[in-house]
Amino acid sequence: PSDPVGFQLRGSITGKVFDDEDGDGTEDPGDPGIPGVTILLTDCLGTTYSVVTNGSGIYTVPSVPANCPITITVDPPSLPPGSTPTTNNTSQTVTVTPGPTPTEPTPIGYAQYG
């Protein structure tokens, strides 16, 4: 008899890159998202996903392994010129929960100078 094929639980990630207008490191009401930023996500299996933030600064990866650390990194050349990080999480790791509710990493903030 053959061995059963394993089943990998799946989940999703939805996050945001925002323009920290007052540079305080916190997303405040009214801070807009930054569109067109490339986000690289690497899962514990070594697969890398590349997504781009939409017009509201939101990015989504609809299917990633659950219960598996995912490293989220901003691709700096995709940021608008003069962008300076205001949060200390331009690279962060989250563990995705299985199911339909997206895991939401801490928003990533940049002040726009220049």
Protein backbone atom coordinates (compact mmCIF):
# COMPACT_ATOMS: atom_id res chain seq x y z
CA PRO A 1 0.00 0.00 0.00
CA SER A 2 1.11 3.55 -0.67
CA ASP A 3 1.56 6.17 2.01
CA PRO A 4 -1.21 8.79 2.25
CA VAL A 5 -0.42 12.17 0.77
CA GLY A 6 -0.04 14.92 3.37
CA PHE A 7 -2.41 17.86 3.58
CA GLN A 8 -1.05 21.33 4.24
CA LEU A 9 -3.49 23.64 6.01
CA ARG A 10 -3.73 27.02 4.26
CA GLY A 11 -4.38 30.56 5.37
CA SER A 12 -3.97 34.07 3.97
CA ILE A 13 -2.16 37.31 4.76
CA THR A 14 -3.48 40.83 4.29
CA GLY A 15 -1.28 43.76 5.30
CA LYS A 16 -0.68 47.43 4.68
CA VAL A 17 2.13 49.85 3.88
CA PHE A 18 1.18 53.38 4.95
CA ASP A 19 2.42 56.93 4.60
CA ASP A 20 3.17 57.98 8.17
CA GLU A 21 2.37 61.64 7.63
CA ASP A 22 3.45 62.79 11.09
CA GLY A 23 6.40 60.37 11.31
CA ASP A 24 5.38 59.00 14.73
CA GLY A 25 5.68 55.31 13.82
CA THR A 26 1.96 54.69 14.30
CA GLU A 27 -0.76 54.40 11.67
CA ASP A 28 -3.16 57.20 12.51
CA PRO A 29 -6.65 57.73 11.09
CA GLY A 30 -6.18 59.49 7.77
CA ASP A 31 -2.66 58.16 7.07
CA PRO A 32 -2.96 57.02 3.43
CA GLY A 33 -1.64 53.77 2.05
CA ILE A 34 1.36 53.71 -0.29
CA PRO A 35 0.47 52.08 -3.62
CA GLY A 36 2.86 50.15 -5.83
CA VAL A 37 5.18 48.81 -3.10
CA THR A 38 6.52 45.30 -3.70
CA ILE A 39 6.25 42.98 -0.71
CA LEU A 40 8.21 39.72 -0.61
CA LEU A 41 6.90 36.92 1.60
CA THR A 42 8.91 33.75 2.18
CA ASP A 43 7.27 30.78 3.88
CA CYS A 44 8.86 28.05 6.02
CA LEU A 45 8.98 25.77 2.97
CA GLY A 46 11.21 28.26 1.12
CA THR A 47 8.57 29.51 -1.32
CA THR A 48 8.69 33.26 -2.00
CA TYR A 49 5.58 35.20 -2.99
CA SER A 50 5.85 38.66 -4.54
CA VAL A 51 2.86 41.00 -4.29
CA VAL A 52 2.33 44.72 -4.91
CA THR A 53 0.27 47.03 -2.72
CA ASN A 54 -2.95 48.33 -4.27
CA GLY A 55 -4.12 51.96 -4.43
CA SER A 56 -4.85 51.85 -0.69
CA GLY A 57 -1.48 50.37 0.27
CA ILE A 58 -3.01 46.94 0.92
CA TYR A 59 -1.39 43.66 -0.11
CA THR A 60 -2.91 40.18 0.03
CA VAL A 61 -1.57 36.68 -0.47
CA PRO A 62 -4.66 34.47 -0.61
CA SER A 63 -3.08 31.07 0.02
CA VAL A 64 0.01 30.37 2.11
CA PRO A 65 0.90 27.48 4.44
CA ALA A 66 -0.73 27.86 7.85
CA ASN A 67 1.05 27.28 11.16
CA CYS A 68 4.27 28.13 9.35
CA PRO A 69 6.42 31.24 9.95
CA ILE A 70 6.26 33.66 7.00
CA THR A 71 8.89 36.39 6.66
CA ILE A 72 7.51 39.62 5.18
CA THR A 73 9.98 42.08 3.65
CA VAL A 74 9.55 45.38 1.80
CA ASP A 75 11.49 45.62 -1.47
CA PRO A 76 13.14 49.08 -0.96
CA PRO A 77 13.57 49.99 -4.68
CA SER A 78 9.78 49.82 -5.07
CA LEU A 79 9.20 52.62 -2.53
CA PRO A 80 8.64 56.21 -3.63
CA PRO A 81 11.84 58.31 -3.59
CA GLY A 82 12.52 59.87 -0.19
CA SER A 83 10.74 57.12 1.80
CA THR A 84 12.15 56.64 5.30
CA PRO A 85 10.89 53.86 7.60
CA THR A 86 9.08 55.05 10.72
CA THR A 87 8.23 51.59 12.03
CA ASN A 88 10.82 48.95 12.94
CA ASN A 89 9.09 46.17 11.00
CA THR A 90 10.12 46.59 7.37
CA SER A 91 11.01 42.92 7.79
CA GLN A 92 8.81 40.90 10.13
CA THR A 93 7.77 37.30 10.69
CA VAL A 94 4.21 36.13 11.32
CA THR A 95 2.64 32.71 11.71
CA VAL A 96 -0.47 32.35 9.59
CA THR A 97 -3.59 30.90 11.16
CA PRO A 98 -5.53 28.37 9.09
CA GLY A 99 -8.90 29.25 7.64
CA PRO A 100 -10.67 32.06 5.82
CA THR A 101 -9.82 34.95 8.18
CA PRO A 102 -6.60 36.64 6.99
CA THR A 103 -3.62 36.99 9.30
CA GLU A 104 -2.88 40.72 9.56
CA PRO A 105 0.76 41.66 10.19
CA THR A 106 1.62 44.96 11.85
CA PRO A 107 1.25 47.80 9.29
CA ILE A 108 4.54 49.06 7.85
CA GLY A 109 5.05 52.83 7.91
CA TYR A 110 7.20 55.21 5.90
CA ALA A 111 7.50 58.97 6.02
CA GLN A 112 7.73 60.62 2.62
CA TYR A 113 10.54 63.16 2.39
CA GLY A 114 11.63 64.91 -0.78
